[in-house]
Structures are given as structure tokens and as C-alpha cells.
Amino acid sequence: MKIHNEFDVPLPPVEAWKTLRDIEEIVPCLPGAEITERVDELVYRGHIAVKLGPVALKFRGTVQFTELDDTNHRARIQAQAQDDKGRGGVYALMGFYLKPVEDGSRVSVDTDLTLSGSIAQYGRAAGIIPQLADQIVHEFADNFRTRLDKAHGGTGDQSADESEERQQVKPISAARLVFRVLNGKFTRLIRALFRRS
């Protein structure tokens, strides 16, 4: 499954890149994610918690840079993890790059996501994986902007409070997304029935 996301940050690419290329800096910006071990400069171990309705999943695995282009502000990351209870796994290839825009930089993220096991069947059936990815990227972007702002001296007490709150690892919740998707399908079905009558 291929997913594309973009978000803007209020810094030029050269400045934003210094933080974006640092996995230990950016992983805490992902909701539910935590780095637990640094293997070397390019490879890290960690986990991420996801809640799909009543099902709580915790994936443990590795994330590593497979490409780092400091000149053009591009990178590729490979991540693979397995659910603690053996319900499936995740394999993702992520490419991201920065380009200048009027008020700073635009971060583009291309993800090729592969799910396995029972979670893959659930994700496909509910149709929530792209929406969940959008939610993750949206929250990541907000947290990343806050972190950049703090690192470059543009923050106050509010940013400090947000940073502290972000460090408390909370699982990503997809319950609202499932409801939204199912509600949308139900609404389309009702409209189709009324058009036929």
C-alpha cells in the first residue's frame, strides 16, 4: 500500500534537515512510538503502540536509514516490526525529502506499507489504514513543528508543556476513524438505495 503525505514547517530546509535526519529526535514526535536502543548511527530498535477499536497492538522492531543525502535533503528509512502477541507484522519503506516554500520547508513523505497476519485482514476490511496514516502524519507534523520551534528559541511555556505531554507514550487510536469509514459506507449505501427507488 502506497501512501503520500506532505506538511510544512517554518524553517528553511538546511535548518529543518538537522532535526529531521535524527531518528532519536523525530521518533518521539510519532504518537505511540519510542526508541529503546541505538544499535549504531543508522539502526535503532523500538516499539509503537496502536489501538484499532478494542484491539490494542504493540509492535516491536527496528528502524534504519538506508539512504541519507544531506546535500539534497533526502532520506530513506526501512522499518519492520512484529506485534507482541503474534497477530501480524508491519514492513514499511519511507522516503522523505525537503523542498523550500515561501514560509519555510515542505516535508514530503512517501510510504510503501505492507501488513501481514490478522491485522492486515482487519485493516483492509475496515479500510482504515490510509486514514490512520494521515492521522499519524498530522500528529507527527504538529509535534515536529513544536520541537523545531523549541529547538530554535521560538517557544514559550505552552510548547514546553506540549513537549512533556508528547513524551508520555500514548497508543494511536483508530476508533474514530473506523466509525467515520463505516458511517461513510453506510451513508453511501442509503443514498444509492434512494436513487434506485
N, C-alpha and C. Protein backbone atom coordinates (compact mmCIF):
# COMPACT_ATOMS: atom_id res chain seq x y z
N MET A 1 0.83 -1.18 0.00
CA MET A 1 0.00 0.00 0.00
C MET A 1 0.88 1.25 0.00
N LYS A 2 0.64 2.13 -0.96
CA LYS A 2 1.46 3.33 -1.08
C LYS A 2 0.67 4.54 -0.57
N ILE A 3 1.32 5.34 0.26
CA ILE A 3 0.68 6.49 0.89
C ILE A 3 1.61 7.70 0.74
N HIS A 4 1.01 8.84 0.36
CA HIS A 4 1.79 10.07 0.23
C HIS A 4 1.22 11.13 1.17
N ASN A 5 2.10 11.79 1.91
CA ASN A 5 1.69 12.87 2.81
C ASN A 5 2.67 14.03 2.70
N GLU A 6 2.17 15.23 2.99
CA GLU A 6 3.02 16.42 3.00
C GLU A 6 2.62 17.31 4.17
N PHE A 7 3.61 18.04 4.70
CA PHE A 7 3.32 19.07 5.69
C PHE A 7 4.43 20.11 5.65
N ASP A 8 4.11 21.31 6.11
CA ASP A 8 5.07 22.42 6.09
C ASP A 8 5.62 22.69 7.48
N VAL A 9 6.87 23.14 7.53
CA VAL A 9 7.49 23.57 8.78
C VAL A 9 8.09 24.96 8.56
N PRO A 10 8.12 25.80 9.61
CA PRO A 10 8.53 27.20 9.43
C PRO A 10 10.04 27.42 9.51
N LEU A 11 10.83 26.58 8.86
CA LEU A 11 12.28 26.74 8.83
C LEU A 11 12.79 26.40 7.43
N PRO A 12 13.89 27.01 7.00
CA PRO A 12 14.46 26.63 5.70
C PRO A 12 14.96 25.19 5.73
N PRO A 13 15.06 24.54 4.57
CA PRO A 13 15.46 23.13 4.53
C PRO A 13 16.75 22.82 5.28
N VAL A 14 17.75 23.67 5.19
CA VAL A 14 19.03 23.39 5.86
C VAL A 14 18.84 23.25 7.36
N GLU A 15 18.01 24.10 7.95
CA GLU A 15 17.80 24.05 9.40
C GLU A 15 16.88 22.89 9.79
N ALA A 16 15.78 22.72 9.05
CA ALA A 16 14.84 21.65 9.38
C ALA A 16 15.48 20.28 9.22
N TRP A 17 16.38 20.15 8.25
CA TRP A 17 17.01 18.86 7.96
C TRP A 17 17.82 18.34 9.14
N LYS A 18 18.45 19.24 9.89
CA LYS A 18 19.28 18.82 11.03
C LYS A 18 18.49 18.01 12.03
N THR A 19 17.23 18.38 12.22
CA THR A 19 16.38 17.64 13.15
C THR A 19 15.74 16.43 12.48
N LEU A 20 15.29 16.61 11.24
CA LEU A 20 14.56 15.55 10.55
C LEU A 20 15.42 14.31 10.30
N ARG A 21 16.72 14.49 10.16
CA ARG A 21 17.60 13.34 9.88
C ARG A 21 18.01 12.60 11.15
N ASP A 22 17.59 13.07 12.30
CA ASP A 22 17.96 12.48 13.59
C ASP A 22 16.80 11.63 14.11
N ILE A 23 16.91 10.32 13.97
CA ILE A 23 15.82 9.43 14.37
C ILE A 23 15.46 9.59 15.84
N GLU A 24 16.45 9.76 16.69
CA GLU A 24 16.17 9.92 18.11
C GLU A 24 15.40 11.20 18.42
N GLU A 25 15.50 12.18 17.53
CA GLU A 25 14.74 13.42 17.69
C GLU A 25 13.33 13.29 17.13
N ILE A 26 13.19 12.60 16.00
CA ILE A 26 11.88 12.61 15.34
C ILE A 26 10.94 11.50 15.81
N VAL A 27 11.47 10.36 16.27
CA VAL A 27 10.58 9.27 16.69
C VAL A 27 9.66 9.69 17.84
N PRO A 28 10.15 10.44 18.85
CA PRO A 28 9.22 10.87 19.90
C PRO A 28 8.08 11.75 19.39
N CYS A 29 8.20 12.28 18.19
CA CYS A 29 7.11 13.07 17.60
C CYS A 29 5.99 12.19 17.07
N LEU A 30 6.28 10.90 16.84
CA LEU A 30 5.26 9.97 16.36
C LEU A 30 4.42 9.51 17.54
N PRO A 31 3.10 9.66 17.47
CA PRO A 31 2.27 9.21 18.59
C PRO A 31 2.41 7.72 18.82
N GLY A 32 2.67 7.35 20.07
CA GLY A 32 2.78 5.95 20.44
C GLY A 32 4.11 5.30 20.18
N ALA A 33 5.10 6.06 19.69
CA ALA A 33 6.39 5.47 19.31
C ALA A 33 7.49 5.81 20.33
N GLU A 34 8.44 4.91 20.46
CA GLU A 34 9.54 5.13 21.39
C GLU A 34 10.78 4.35 20.93
N ILE A 35 11.93 5.00 20.96
CA ILE A 35 13.21 4.32 20.68
C ILE A 35 13.71 3.71 21.98
N THR A 36 14.08 2.43 21.94
CA THR A 36 14.55 1.75 23.15
C THR A 36 16.04 1.43 23.09
N GLU A 37 16.64 1.40 21.89
CA GLU A 37 18.06 1.06 21.77
C GLU A 37 18.65 1.62 20.49
N ARG A 38 19.84 2.17 20.61
CA ARG A 38 20.58 2.62 19.43
C ARG A 38 21.64 1.57 19.11
N VAL A 39 21.47 0.88 17.99
CA VAL A 39 22.40 -0.17 17.59
C VAL A 39 23.68 0.45 17.03
N ASP A 40 23.51 1.41 16.11
CA ASP A 40 24.63 2.18 15.58
C ASP A 40 24.07 3.50 15.05
N GLU A 41 24.82 4.22 14.24
CA GLU A 41 24.38 5.53 13.78
C GLU A 41 23.18 5.48 12.85
N LEU A 42 22.94 4.32 12.24
CA LEU A 42 21.85 4.20 11.27
C LEU A 42 20.73 3.27 11.69
N VAL A 43 20.96 2.42 12.70
CA VAL A 43 19.99 1.38 13.08
C VAL A 43 19.55 1.57 14.53
N TYR A 44 18.21 1.51 14.73
CA TYR A 44 17.64 1.68 16.07
C TYR A 44 16.57 0.62 16.30
N ARG A 45 16.36 0.30 17.57
CA ARG A 45 15.27 -0.59 17.95
C ARG A 45 14.26 0.20 18.78
N GLY A 46 12.99 -0.21 18.67
CA GLY A 46 11.97 0.49 19.42
C GLY A 46 10.63 -0.18 19.31
N HIS A 47 9.59 0.53 19.71
CA HIS A 47 8.23 -0.01 19.60
C HIS A 47 7.24 1.11 19.35
N ILE A 48 6.07 0.72 18.84
CA ILE A 48 4.99 1.66 18.61
C ILE A 48 3.67 0.98 18.99
N ALA A 49 2.82 1.73 19.70
CA ALA A 49 1.54 1.20 20.14
C ALA A 49 0.43 1.77 19.29
N VAL A 50 -0.49 0.90 18.87
CA VAL A 50 -1.62 1.30 18.03
C VAL A 50 -2.88 0.67 18.61
N LYS A 51 -3.95 1.44 18.67
CA LYS A 51 -5.22 0.90 19.15
C LYS A 51 -6.23 0.95 18.02
N LEU A 52 -6.65 -0.22 17.54
CA LEU A 52 -7.65 -0.33 16.49
C LEU A 52 -8.96 -0.75 17.14
N GLY A 53 -9.78 0.25 17.49
CA GLY A 53 -11.01 -0.06 18.20
C GLY A 53 -10.68 -0.69 19.54
N PRO A 54 -11.25 -1.88 19.83
CA PRO A 54 -10.98 -2.54 21.11
C PRO A 54 -9.65 -3.29 21.13
N VAL A 55 -8.99 -3.37 19.98
CA VAL A 55 -7.75 -4.17 19.89
C VAL A 55 -6.53 -3.28 20.08
N ALA A 56 -5.75 -3.58 21.13
CA ALA A 56 -4.52 -2.84 21.39
C ALA A 56 -3.35 -3.64 20.83
N LEU A 57 -2.56 -3.01 19.97
CA LEU A 57 -1.41 -3.66 19.36
C LEU A 57 -0.14 -2.95 19.78
N LYS A 58 0.91 -3.73 19.99
CA LYS A 58 2.21 -3.14 20.27
C LYS A 58 3.23 -3.84 19.38
N PHE A 59 3.84 -3.05 18.50
CA PHE A 59 4.82 -3.58 17.57
C PHE A 59 6.23 -3.27 18.06
N ARG A 60 7.09 -4.29 18.00
CA ARG A 60 8.50 -4.09 18.34
C ARG A 60 9.35 -4.46 17.13
N GLY A 61 10.36 -3.65 16.88
CA GLY A 61 11.20 -3.95 15.72
C GLY A 61 12.34 -2.98 15.57
N THR A 62 12.79 -2.85 14.33
CA THR A 62 13.95 -2.00 14.04
C THR A 62 13.59 -0.96 12.98
N VAL A 63 14.30 0.14 13.03
CA VAL A 63 14.17 1.19 12.02
C VAL A 63 15.59 1.62 11.66
N GLN A 64 15.83 1.79 10.37
CA GLN A 64 17.18 2.18 9.95
C GLN A 64 17.16 3.04 8.71
N PHE A 65 18.13 3.92 8.63
CA PHE A 65 18.33 4.71 7.42
C PHE A 65 18.99 3.82 6.37
N THR A 66 18.40 3.77 5.19
CA THR A 66 19.05 3.07 4.08
C THR A 66 19.67 4.07 3.11
N GLU A 67 19.31 5.34 3.26
CA GLU A 67 19.89 6.39 2.42
C GLU A 67 19.81 7.71 3.17
N LEU A 68 20.90 8.48 3.13
CA LEU A 68 20.92 9.82 3.72
C LEU A 68 21.64 10.75 2.75
N ASP A 69 20.93 11.69 2.19
CA ASP A 69 21.50 12.65 1.24
C ASP A 69 21.41 14.04 1.86
N ASP A 70 22.48 14.43 2.57
CA ASP A 70 22.47 15.71 3.26
C ASP A 70 22.47 16.90 2.29
N THR A 71 23.00 16.70 1.11
CA THR A 71 23.06 17.80 0.13
C THR A 71 21.68 18.15 -0.40
N ASN A 72 20.92 17.12 -0.77
CA ASN A 72 19.59 17.33 -1.35
C ASN A 72 18.44 17.17 -0.35
N HIS A 73 18.80 16.94 0.91
CA HIS A 73 17.80 16.81 1.98
C HIS A 73 16.79 15.70 1.68
N ARG A 74 17.33 14.53 1.38
CA ARG A 74 16.51 13.35 1.11
C ARG A 74 16.98 12.18 1.97
N ALA A 75 16.05 11.31 2.34
CA ALA A 75 16.42 10.13 3.11
C ALA A 75 15.42 9.02 2.84
N ARG A 76 15.88 7.80 3.07
CA ARG A 76 15.00 6.62 3.01
C ARG A 76 15.18 5.85 4.30
N ILE A 77 14.04 5.42 4.85
CA ILE A 77 14.04 4.67 6.10
C ILE A 77 13.31 3.35 5.88
N GLN A 78 13.87 2.30 6.46
CA GLN A 78 13.22 0.99 6.42
C GLN A 78 12.84 0.61 7.85
N ALA A 79 11.60 0.19 8.04
CA ALA A 79 11.13 -0.20 9.37
C ALA A 79 10.41 -1.54 9.28
N GLN A 80 10.68 -2.40 10.24
CA GLN A 80 9.95 -3.67 10.30
C GLN A 80 9.73 -4.04 11.76
N ALA A 81 8.51 -4.54 12.04
CA ALA A 81 8.16 -4.84 13.42
C ALA A 81 7.10 -5.93 13.46
N GLN A 82 7.05 -6.61 14.60
CA GLN A 82 6.07 -7.66 14.83
C GLN A 82 5.24 -7.33 16.06
N ASP A 83 3.96 -7.69 15.99
CA ASP A 83 3.09 -7.49 17.15
C ASP A 83 3.51 -8.43 18.27
N ASP A 84 3.47 -7.92 19.51
CA ASP A 84 3.89 -8.71 20.68
C ASP A 84 3.14 -10.03 20.82
N LYS A 85 1.87 -10.05 20.39
CA LYS A 85 1.04 -11.24 20.58
C LYS A 85 0.93 -12.08 19.32
N GLY A 86 1.79 -11.82 18.34
CA GLY A 86 1.85 -12.66 17.15
C GLY A 86 0.70 -12.49 16.19
N ARG A 87 0.03 -11.34 16.21
CA ARG A 87 -1.12 -11.15 15.33
C ARG A 87 -0.74 -10.59 13.97
N GLY A 88 0.54 -10.37 13.76
CA GLY A 88 0.95 -9.87 12.46
C GLY A 88 2.16 -8.98 12.55
N GLY A 89 2.52 -8.43 11.40
CA GLY A 89 3.69 -7.58 11.35
C GLY A 89 3.52 -6.42 10.40
N VAL A 90 4.48 -5.52 10.45
CA VAL A 90 4.48 -4.33 9.61
C VAL A 90 5.86 -4.20 8.97
N TYR A 91 5.86 -3.91 7.68
CA TYR A 91 7.10 -3.60 6.97
C TYR A 91 6.86 -2.33 6.19
N ALA A 92 7.72 -1.34 6.38
CA ALA A 92 7.50 -0.06 5.71
C ALA A 92 8.79 0.49 5.15
N LEU A 93 8.70 1.02 3.95
CA LEU A 93 9.78 1.79 3.33
C LEU A 93 9.29 3.22 3.23
N MET A 94 10.03 4.13 3.83
CA MET A 94 9.63 5.53 3.82
C MET A 94 10.72 6.38 3.17
N GLY A 95 10.31 7.20 2.24
CA GLY A 95 11.22 8.16 1.65
C GLY A 95 10.72 9.56 1.97
N PHE A 96 11.59 10.42 2.45
CA PHE A 96 11.15 11.78 2.70
C PHE A 96 12.19 12.78 2.20
N TYR A 97 11.69 13.93 1.80
CA TYR A 97 12.59 14.98 1.31
C TYR A 97 12.01 16.34 1.61
N LEU A 98 12.88 17.32 1.67
CA LEU A 98 12.51 18.70 1.96
C LEU A 98 12.67 19.55 0.72
N LYS A 99 11.77 20.49 0.55
CA LYS A 99 11.95 21.48 -0.50
C LYS A 99 11.52 22.84 0.05
N PRO A 100 12.16 23.91 -0.40
CA PRO A 100 11.82 25.23 0.12
C PRO A 100 10.45 25.71 -0.35
N VAL A 101 9.73 26.36 0.53
CA VAL A 101 8.48 27.03 0.20
C VAL A 101 8.57 28.45 0.79
N GLU A 102 7.55 29.24 0.53
CA GLU A 102 7.61 30.66 0.90
C GLU A 102 7.90 30.89 2.39
N ASP A 103 7.26 30.12 3.26
CA ASP A 103 7.40 30.35 4.70
C ASP A 103 8.28 29.33 5.40
N GLY A 104 9.09 28.57 4.66
CA GLY A 104 9.95 27.58 5.30
C GLY A 104 10.24 26.40 4.41
N SER A 105 9.81 25.21 4.83
CA SER A 105 10.08 23.98 4.08
C SER A 105 8.83 23.12 4.00
N ARG A 106 8.72 22.38 2.90
CA ARG A 106 7.67 21.38 2.77
C ARG A 106 8.32 20.00 2.90
N VAL A 107 7.78 19.20 3.82
CA VAL A 107 8.26 17.84 4.02
C VAL A 107 7.33 16.90 3.28
N SER A 108 7.85 16.14 2.33
CA SER A 108 7.06 15.15 1.59
C SER A 108 7.47 13.76 2.06
N VAL A 109 6.48 12.94 2.36
CA VAL A 109 6.73 11.59 2.86
C VAL A 109 6.00 10.59 1.98
N ASP A 110 6.74 9.66 1.38
CA ASP A 110 6.16 8.57 0.60
C ASP A 110 6.40 7.27 1.34
N THR A 111 5.32 6.56 1.62
CA THR A 111 5.40 5.33 2.39
C THR A 111 4.87 4.16 1.57
N ASP A 112 5.63 3.08 1.56
CA ASP A 112 5.17 1.82 0.97
C ASP A 112 4.99 0.85 2.14
N LEU A 113 3.74 0.60 2.51
CA LEU A 113 3.42 -0.13 3.73
C LEU A 113 2.90 -1.53 3.42
N THR A 114 3.45 -2.53 4.09
CA THR A 114 2.98 -3.90 3.95
C THR A 114 2.61 -4.45 5.32
N LEU A 115 1.36 -4.93 5.45
CA LEU A 115 0.90 -5.55 6.69
C LEU A 115 0.76 -7.05 6.48
N SER A 116 0.99 -7.80 7.54
CA SER A 116 0.85 -9.26 7.45
C SER A 116 0.05 -9.77 8.65
N GLY A 117 -0.49 -10.98 8.50
CA GLY A 117 -1.25 -11.58 9.58
C GLY A 117 -2.67 -11.06 9.68
N SER A 118 -3.29 -11.28 10.84
CA SER A 118 -4.70 -10.91 11.02
C SER A 118 -4.91 -9.41 10.98
N ILE A 119 -3.92 -8.62 11.36
CA ILE A 119 -4.10 -7.17 11.32
C ILE A 119 -4.23 -6.67 9.89
N ALA A 120 -3.61 -7.36 8.95
CA ALA A 120 -3.72 -6.96 7.55
C ALA A 120 -5.16 -7.14 7.06
N GLN A 121 -5.77 -8.27 7.45
CA GLN A 121 -7.16 -8.53 7.04
C GLN A 121 -8.10 -7.52 7.67
N TYR A 122 -7.87 -7.20 8.94
CA TYR A 122 -8.73 -6.23 9.62
C TYR A 122 -8.58 -4.85 8.99
N GLY A 123 -7.34 -4.45 8.73
CA GLY A 123 -7.08 -3.14 8.15
C GLY A 123 -7.72 -2.97 6.78
N ARG A 124 -7.63 -4.03 5.96
CA ARG A 124 -8.23 -3.97 4.62
C ARG A 124 -9.75 -3.95 4.70
N ALA A 125 -10.30 -4.79 5.60
CA ALA A 125 -11.75 -4.88 5.70
C ALA A 125 -12.36 -3.56 6.16
N ALA A 126 -11.72 -2.92 7.12
CA ALA A 126 -12.27 -1.67 7.65
C ALA A 126 -11.90 -0.48 6.79
N GLY A 127 -10.89 -0.63 5.95
CA GLY A 127 -10.46 0.46 5.08
C GLY A 127 -9.86 1.64 5.82
N ILE A 128 -9.22 1.37 6.98
CA ILE A 128 -8.78 2.49 7.82
C ILE A 128 -7.30 2.80 7.71
N ILE A 129 -6.51 1.97 7.04
CA ILE A 129 -5.06 2.17 7.06
C ILE A 129 -4.65 3.52 6.47
N PRO A 130 -5.15 3.93 5.28
CA PRO A 130 -4.75 5.26 4.78
C PRO A 130 -5.16 6.39 5.71
N GLN A 131 -6.38 6.30 6.30
CA GLN A 131 -6.81 7.34 7.22
C GLN A 131 -5.96 7.36 8.48
N LEU A 132 -5.60 6.16 8.98
CA LEU A 132 -4.74 6.09 10.16
C LEU A 132 -3.37 6.70 9.86
N ALA A 133 -2.85 6.43 8.66
CA ALA A 133 -1.56 7.02 8.27
C ALA A 133 -1.65 8.54 8.23
N ASP A 134 -2.78 9.06 7.70
CA ASP A 134 -2.96 10.51 7.67
C ASP A 134 -3.00 11.09 9.08
N GLN A 135 -3.67 10.38 9.99
CA GLN A 135 -3.74 10.85 11.38
C GLN A 135 -2.35 10.88 12.01
N ILE A 136 -1.58 9.81 11.78
CA ILE A 136 -0.24 9.74 12.34
C ILE A 136 0.62 10.88 11.81
N VAL A 137 0.58 11.10 10.49
CA VAL A 137 1.40 12.16 9.90
C VAL A 137 0.96 13.53 10.40
N HIS A 138 -0.36 13.74 10.55
CA HIS A 138 -0.84 15.02 11.05
C HIS A 138 -0.33 15.29 12.46
N GLU A 139 -0.41 14.28 13.34
CA GLU A 139 0.07 14.45 14.71
C GLU A 139 1.58 14.60 14.73
N PHE A 140 2.27 13.82 13.88
CA PHE A 140 3.72 13.93 13.79
C PHE A 140 4.12 15.35 13.38
N ALA A 141 3.42 15.90 12.37
CA ALA A 141 3.74 17.24 11.88
C ALA A 141 3.57 18.28 12.98
N ASP A 142 2.47 18.19 13.75
CA ASP A 142 2.26 19.14 14.84
C ASP A 142 3.37 19.04 15.88
N ASN A 143 3.71 17.81 16.25
CA ASN A 143 4.76 17.61 17.25
C ASN A 143 6.12 18.03 16.72
N PHE A 144 6.38 17.75 15.44
CA PHE A 144 7.66 18.11 14.84
C PHE A 144 7.82 19.63 14.79
N ARG A 145 6.75 20.34 14.40
CA ARG A 145 6.81 21.80 14.37
C ARG A 145 7.09 22.36 15.76
N THR A 146 6.44 21.78 16.79
CA THR A 146 6.67 22.23 18.16
C THR A 146 8.12 22.01 18.57
N ARG A 147 8.65 20.84 18.19
CA ARG A 147 10.04 20.52 18.54
C ARG A 147 11.01 21.47 17.84
N LEU A 148 10.76 21.75 16.57
CA LEU A 148 11.61 22.69 15.84
C LEU A 148 11.54 24.08 16.46
N ASP A 149 10.33 24.49 16.81
CA ASP A 149 10.14 25.80 17.41
C ASP A 149 10.93 25.92 18.72
N LYS A 150 10.85 24.86 19.51
CA LYS A 150 11.57 24.86 20.79
C LYS A 150 13.07 24.87 20.57
N ALA A 151 13.54 24.07 19.61
CA ALA A 151 14.98 23.98 19.35
C ALA A 151 15.56 25.30 18.83
N HIS A 152 14.72 26.13 18.20
CA HIS A 152 15.21 27.38 17.62
C HIS A 152 14.72 28.60 18.38
N GLY A 153 14.35 28.38 19.65
CA GLY A 153 14.11 29.51 20.54
C GLY A 153 12.81 30.24 20.35
N GLY A 154 11.84 29.63 19.66
CA GLY A 154 10.58 30.35 19.42
C GLY A 154 9.45 29.85 20.26
N THR A 155 9.72 29.30 21.43
CA THR A 155 8.65 28.71 22.21
C THR A 155 8.50 29.36 23.56
N GLY A 156 7.35 29.09 24.11
CA GLY A 156 7.09 29.53 25.47
C GLY A 156 6.71 28.35 26.32
N ASP A 157 5.99 28.63 27.42
CA ASP A 157 5.61 27.56 28.33
C ASP A 157 4.68 26.56 27.68
N GLN A 158 3.84 27.02 26.74
CA GLN A 158 2.90 26.11 26.08
C GLN A 158 3.63 25.01 25.34
N SER A 159 4.68 25.37 24.59
CA SER A 159 5.44 24.37 23.85
C SER A 159 6.13 23.40 24.79
N ALA A 160 6.63 23.91 25.90
CA ALA A 160 7.28 23.04 26.88
C ALA A 160 6.28 22.03 27.43
N ASP A 161 5.05 22.51 27.72
CA ASP A 161 4.02 21.60 28.20
C ASP A 161 3.67 20.56 27.16
N GLU A 162 3.55 20.97 25.88
CA GLU A 162 3.23 20.04 24.80
C GLU A 162 4.34 19.01 24.65
N SER A 163 5.59 19.45 24.79
CA SER A 163 6.72 18.53 24.65
C SER A 163 6.69 17.48 25.75
N GLU A 164 6.39 17.93 26.98
CA GLU A 164 6.34 16.99 28.10
C GLU A 164 5.21 16.00 27.92
N GLU A 165 4.05 16.50 27.44
CA GLU A 165 2.91 15.61 27.21
C GLU A 165 3.21 14.60 26.14
N ARG A 166 3.93 15.01 25.08
CA ARG A 166 4.24 14.12 23.98
C ARG A 166 5.13 12.97 24.42
N GLN A 167 5.98 13.22 25.43
CA GLN A 167 6.92 12.19 25.86
C GLN A 167 6.22 11.05 26.58
N GLN A 168 4.97 11.27 27.04
CA GLN A 168 4.21 10.20 27.64
C GLN A 168 3.63 9.37 26.49
N VAL A 169 4.20 8.19 26.27
CA VAL A 169 3.85 7.40 25.08
C VAL A 169 2.41 6.92 25.15
N LYS A 170 1.61 7.38 24.21
CA LYS A 170 0.20 7.00 24.15
C LYS A 170 -0.05 6.26 22.84
N PRO A 171 -0.88 5.21 22.88
CA PRO A 171 -1.14 4.49 21.63
C PRO A 171 -1.94 5.32 20.65
N ILE A 172 -1.71 5.08 19.37
CA ILE A 172 -2.50 5.70 18.32
C ILE A 172 -3.88 5.04 18.35
N SER A 173 -4.92 5.84 18.34
CA SER A 173 -6.27 5.28 18.36
C SER A 173 -6.96 5.48 17.02
N ALA A 174 -7.50 4.39 16.50
CA ALA A 174 -8.20 4.46 15.21
C ALA A 174 -9.70 4.28 15.36
N ALA A 175 -10.21 4.32 16.59
CA ALA A 175 -11.64 4.08 16.80
C ALA A 175 -12.49 5.09 16.04
N ARG A 176 -12.12 6.39 16.12
CA ARG A 176 -12.90 7.41 15.43
C ARG A 176 -12.82 7.22 13.91
N LEU A 177 -11.66 6.77 13.44
CA LEU A 177 -11.51 6.55 12.00
C LEU A 177 -12.38 5.40 11.52
N VAL A 178 -12.44 4.33 12.30
CA VAL A 178 -13.29 3.19 11.93
C VAL A 178 -14.74 3.66 11.85
N PHE A 179 -15.18 4.42 12.85
CA PHE A 179 -16.56 4.91 12.84
C PHE A 179 -16.81 5.79 11.63
N ARG A 180 -15.86 6.68 11.31
CA ARG A 180 -16.02 7.58 10.18
C ARG A 180 -16.12 6.80 8.87
N VAL A 181 -15.25 5.79 8.70
CA VAL A 181 -15.27 5.00 7.47
C VAL A 181 -16.57 4.22 7.34
N LEU A 182 -16.98 3.54 8.42
CA LEU A 182 -18.20 2.74 8.38
C LEU A 182 -19.42 3.64 8.17
N ASN A 183 -19.43 4.79 8.82
CA ASN A 183 -20.53 5.74 8.66
C ASN A 183 -20.60 6.22 7.22
N GLY A 184 -19.45 6.48 6.61
CA GLY A 184 -19.41 6.91 5.21
C GLY A 184 -19.95 5.84 4.28
N LYS A 185 -19.57 4.58 4.54
CA LYS A 185 -20.06 3.49 3.69
C LYS A 185 -21.57 3.33 3.84
N PHE A 186 -22.06 3.46 5.08
CA PHE A 186 -23.49 3.34 5.34
C PHE A 186 -24.25 4.46 4.63
N THR A 187 -23.73 5.69 4.71
CA THR A 187 -24.37 6.83 4.06
C THR A 187 -24.44 6.64 2.56
N ARG A 188 -23.34 6.15 1.96
CA ARG A 188 -23.34 5.92 0.51
C ARG A 188 -24.34 4.84 0.12
N LEU A 189 -24.47 3.82 0.95
CA LEU A 189 -25.42 2.75 0.68
C LEU A 189 -26.86 3.29 0.71
N ILE A 190 -27.18 4.10 1.70
CA ILE A 190 -28.54 4.67 1.80
C ILE A 190 -28.83 5.56 0.59
N ARG A 191 -27.87 6.39 0.21
CA ARG A 191 -28.08 7.26 -0.96
C ARG A 191 -28.30 6.44 -2.22
N ALA A 192 -27.56 5.35 -2.37
CA ALA A 192 -27.70 4.50 -3.55
C ALA A 192 -29.09 3.86 -3.58
N LEU A 193 -29.59 3.44 -2.42
CA LEU A 193 -30.91 2.83 -2.34
C LEU A 193 -32.01 3.84 -2.72
N PHE A 194 -31.86 5.09 -2.25
CA PHE A 194 -32.85 6.11 -2.57
C PHE A 194 -32.81 6.47 -4.05
N ARG A 195 -31.64 6.43 -4.67
CA ARG A 195 -31.56 6.74 -6.10
C ARG A 195 -32.26 5.67 -6.93
N ARG A 196 -32.23 4.43 -6.44
CA ARG A 196 -32.88 3.34 -7.20
C ARG A 196 -34.40 3.40 -7.11
N SER A 197 -34.89 3.92 -5.99
CA SER A 197 -36.36 3.91 -5.80
C SER A 197 -37.03 5.11 -6.47
